[in-house]
C-alpha atoms as a PDB file:
ATOM      1  CA  MET A   1     127.656 -68.590  15.665  1.00  0.00           C
ATOM      2  CA  ARG A   2     124.419 -67.526  16.786  1.00  0.00           C
ATOM      3  CA  ARG A   3     123.668 -65.642  13.368  1.00  0.00           C
ATOM      4  CA  TYR A   4     124.321 -68.882  11.488  1.00  0.00           C
ATOM      5  CA  LEU A   5     122.176 -70.745  13.430  1.00  0.00           C
ATOM      6  CA  THR A   6     119.682 -68.456  13.393  1.00  0.00           C
ATOM      7  CA  LEU A   7     120.293 -68.544   9.380  1.00  0.00           C
ATOM      8  CA  LEU A   8     120.296 -72.364   9.314  1.00  0.00           C
ATOM      9  CA  ALA A   9     116.708 -72.389  11.238  1.00  0.00           C
ATOM     10  CA  ALA A  10     115.494 -69.843   9.024  1.00  0.00           C
ATOM     11  CA  ILE A  11     116.554 -71.956   5.662  1.00  0.00           C
ATOM     12  CA  ILE A  12     115.035 -75.159   7.432  1.00  0.00           C
ATOM     13  CA  VAL A  13     111.704 -73.417   8.096  1.00  0.00           C
ATOM     14  CA  PHE A  14     111.487 -72.252   4.660  1.00  0.00           C
ATOM     15  CA  ALA A  15     112.109 -75.473   2.983  1.00  0.00           C
ATOM     16  CA  VAL A  16     109.655 -77.180   5.225  1.00  0.00           C
ATOM     17  CA  ILE A  17     106.799 -74.683   4.852  1.00  0.00           C
ATOM     18  CA  HIS A  18     107.707 -74.621   1.018  1.00  0.00           C
ATOM     19  CA  GLU A  19     107.751 -78.152   0.400  1.00  0.00           C
ATOM     20  CA  GLY A  20     105.008 -78.914   2.814  1.00  0.00           C
ATOM     21  CA  ALA A  21     102.927 -76.838   0.523  1.00  0.00           C
ATOM     22  CA  HIS A  22     103.723 -78.979  -2.435  1.00  0.00           C
ATOM     23  CA  ALA A  23     102.976 -81.959  -0.720  1.00  0.00           C
ATOM     24  CA  MET A  24      99.139 -80.484   0.531  1.00  0.00           C
ATOM     25  CA  ALA A  25      98.223 -79.431  -3.145  1.00  0.00           C
ATOM     26  CA  ALA A  26      99.647 -82.662  -4.563  1.00  0.00           C
ATOM     27  CA  THR A  27      97.505 -84.732  -1.621  1.00  0.00           C
ATOM     28  CA  ALA A  28      94.103 -82.496  -2.641  1.00  0.00           C
ATOM     29  CA  PHE A  29      94.929 -83.509  -6.506  1.00  0.00           C
ATOM     30  CA  HIS A  30      95.706 -87.205  -5.618  1.00  0.00           C
ATOM     31  CA  GLU A  31      99.421 -86.533  -7.098  1.00  0.00           C
ATOM     32  CA  TYR A  32     101.251 -87.157  -3.909  1.00  0.00           C
ATOM     33  CA  GLY A  33     103.835 -89.941  -4.835  1.00  0.00           C
ATOM     34  CA  ALA A  34     106.552 -89.561  -2.167  1.00  0.00           C
ATOM     35  CA  PHE A  35     108.777 -87.288  -0.186  1.00  0.00           C
ATOM     36  CA  HIS A  36     112.406 -87.196  -0.397  1.00  0.00           C
ATOM     37  CA  VAL A  37     115.416 -85.739   1.303  1.00  0.00           C
ATOM     38  CA  ARG A  38     118.203 -85.235  -1.551  1.00  0.00           C
ATOM     39  CA  PRO A  39     121.692 -83.938  -1.261  1.00  0.00           C
ATOM     40  CA  PHE A  40     120.274 -80.821  -3.079  1.00  0.00           C
ATOM     41  CA  GLY A  41     117.333 -80.400  -0.930  1.00  0.00           C
ATOM     42  CA  LEU A  42     113.957 -81.524  -0.125  1.00  0.00           C
ATOM     43  CA  GLU A  43     111.518 -82.923  -2.848  1.00  0.00           C
ATOM     44  CA  VAL A  44     107.819 -83.768  -3.047  1.00  0.00           C
ATOM     45  CA  GLU A  45     107.520 -86.556  -6.271  1.00  0.00           C
ATOM     46  CA  PHE A  46     104.335 -86.358  -8.042  1.00  0.00           C
ATOM     47  CA  VAL A  47     102.568 -89.669  -9.298  1.00  0.00           C
ATOM     48  CA  THR A  48     101.918 -88.150 -12.770  1.00  0.00           C
ATOM     49  CA  PRO A  49     104.997 -88.212 -15.031  1.00  0.00           C
ATOM     50  CA  VAL A  50     106.343 -84.723 -16.151  1.00  0.00           C
ATOM     51  CA  ALA A  51     105.876 -85.339 -19.671  1.00  0.00           C
ATOM     52  CA  ASP A  52     102.096 -86.033 -18.991  1.00  0.00           C
ATOM     53  CA  ARG A  53     100.957 -82.978 -17.262  1.00  0.00           C
ATOM     54  CA  HIS A  54      99.725 -80.182 -19.463  1.00  0.00           C
ATOM     55  CA  GLY A  55      99.102 -77.611 -16.923  1.00  0.00           C
ATOM     56  CA  LEU A  56      96.560 -74.466 -16.881  1.00  0.00           C
ATOM     57  CA  ALA A  57      96.571 -74.381 -20.582  1.00  0.00           C
ATOM     58  CA  ALA A  58      94.837 -77.640 -20.827  1.00  0.00           C
ATOM     59  CA  GLY A  59      92.907 -77.432 -17.951  1.00  0.00           C
ATOM     60  CA  PHE A  60      91.017 -74.315 -19.250  1.00  0.00           C
ATOM     61  CA  GLY A  61      91.167 -74.968 -22.668  1.00  0.00           C
ATOM     62  CA  ALA A  62      93.162 -71.980 -23.889  1.00  0.00           C
ATOM     63  CA  PRO A  63      96.167 -72.025 -25.970  1.00  0.00           C
ATOM     64  CA  ARG A  64      99.497 -71.883 -24.186  1.00  0.00           C
ATOM     65  CA  TYR A  65     100.803 -68.738 -25.473  1.00  0.00           C
ATOM     66  CA  LEU A  66      97.777 -66.901 -24.367  1.00  0.00           C
ATOM     67  CA  TRP A  67      98.933 -68.113 -20.801  1.00  0.00           C
ATOM     68  CA  GLN A  68     102.323 -67.225 -21.036  1.00  0.00           C
ATOM     69  CA  LEU A  69     101.180 -63.908 -22.590  1.00  0.00           C
ATOM     70  CA  LEU A  70      98.991 -63.195 -19.715  1.00  0.00           C
ATOM     71  CA  LEU A  71     101.543 -64.412 -17.002  1.00  0.00           C
ATOM     72  CA  PHE A  72     104.054 -62.100 -18.305  1.00  0.00           C
ATOM     73  CA  LEU A  73     101.735 -58.876 -18.476  1.00  0.00           C
ATOM     74  CA  VAL A  74     101.405 -59.829 -14.775  1.00  0.00           C
ATOM     75  CA  PHE A  75     104.889 -60.108 -13.942  1.00  0.00           C
ATOM     76  CA  VAL A  76     105.366 -56.842 -15.850  1.00  0.00           C
ATOM     77  CA  VAL A  77     102.394 -54.871 -13.736  1.00  0.00           C
ATOM     78  CA  ASN A  78     103.814 -56.459 -10.422  1.00  0.00           C
ATOM     79  CA  ARG A  79     107.358 -55.057 -11.181  1.00  0.00           C
ATOM     80  CA  GLU A  80     106.251 -51.989 -12.121  1.00  0.00           C
ATOM     81  CA  LEU A  81     104.101 -51.846  -8.808  1.00  0.00           C
ATOM     82  CA  ILE A  82     107.186 -52.218  -6.934  1.00  0.00           C
ATOM     83  CA  ALA A  83     109.723 -49.973  -8.961  1.00  0.00           C
ATOM     84  CA  GLN A  84     106.999 -46.983  -8.905  1.00  0.00           C
ATOM     85  CA  GLY A  85     105.196 -47.745  -5.703  1.00  0.00           C
ATOM     86  CA  LEU A  86     107.044 -50.042  -3.222  1.00  0.00           C
ATOM     87  CA  LEU A  87     110.690 -48.825  -3.775  1.00  0.00           C
ATOM     88  CA  PRO A  88     109.904 -45.219  -3.416  1.00  0.00           C
ATOM     89  CA  LEU A  89     107.587 -45.698  -0.369  1.00  0.00           C
ATOM     90  CA  TYR A  90     110.829 -47.205   1.564  1.00  0.00           C
ATOM     91  CA  ASN A  91     113.360 -44.406  -0.051  1.00  0.00           C
ATOM     92  CA  VAL A  92     115.170 -47.065  -2.119  1.00  0.00           C
ATOM     93  CA  ALA A  93     117.225 -45.363  -4.830  1.00  0.00           C
ATOM     94  CA  THR A  94     119.042 -47.608  -7.439  1.00  0.00           C
ATOM     95  CA  GLU A  95     120.332 -46.738 -10.919  1.00  0.00           C
ATOM     96  CA  HIS A  96     119.786 -50.709 -11.730  1.00  0.00           C
ATOM     97  CA  PRO A  97     117.157 -50.899 -14.636  1.00  0.00           C
ATOM     98  CA  LEU A  98     115.343 -53.607 -13.470  1.00  0.00           C
ATOM     99  CA  PHE A  99     114.384 -51.704 -10.451  1.00  0.00           C
ATOM    100  CA  ARG A 100     113.958 -48.371 -12.409  1.00  0.00           C
ATOM    101  CA  PRO A 101     110.007 -47.729 -14.199  1.00  0.00           C
ATOM    102  CA  TRP A 102     110.103 -48.909 -17.512  1.00  0.00           C
ATOM    103  CA  LEU A 103     106.233 -47.578 -18.225  1.00  0.00           C
ATOM    104  CA  ARG A 104     104.552 -44.628 -16.586  1.00  0.00           C
ATOM    105  CA  LEU A 105     101.481 -45.615 -15.024  1.00  0.00           C
ATOM    106  CA  GLY A 106     100.709 -42.213 -14.038  1.00  0.00           C
ATOM    107  CA  PRO A 107     100.360 -40.256 -10.763  1.00  0.00           C
ATOM    108  CA  GLY A 108      99.847 -41.981  -7.618  1.00  0.00           C
ATOM    109  CA  ALA A 109     100.558 -45.379  -9.036  1.00  0.00           C
ATOM    110  CA  GLY A 110     101.883 -47.878  -6.913  1.00  0.00           C
ATOM    111  CA  VAL A 111     101.548 -48.576  -3.106  1.00  0.00           C
ATOM    112  CA  ARG A 112     100.735 -45.559  -1.129  1.00  0.00           C
END
């Protein structure tokens, strides 16, 4: 029973910290509307409707597809660092293709 209470406490702490970060960011940009406790979880409501939000691409005046490409490359580099550096560091061996290196970054690549 103690295990389940610990898990429940960890989930509650995570949700409060996670949604609290959303609330602080929304407040910093004057976008905070309300905080709701829904059956499916906690929710921070923003003032600007979703259809009117334009994100980083509009804010920096760059094409949306350029941002998508950049963030995809960041994702690929991060997963390669994990697959080639972090997993071997902790002696994690797997045959799953998502956790196997896709690219060869060279000797010494990754976390050491």
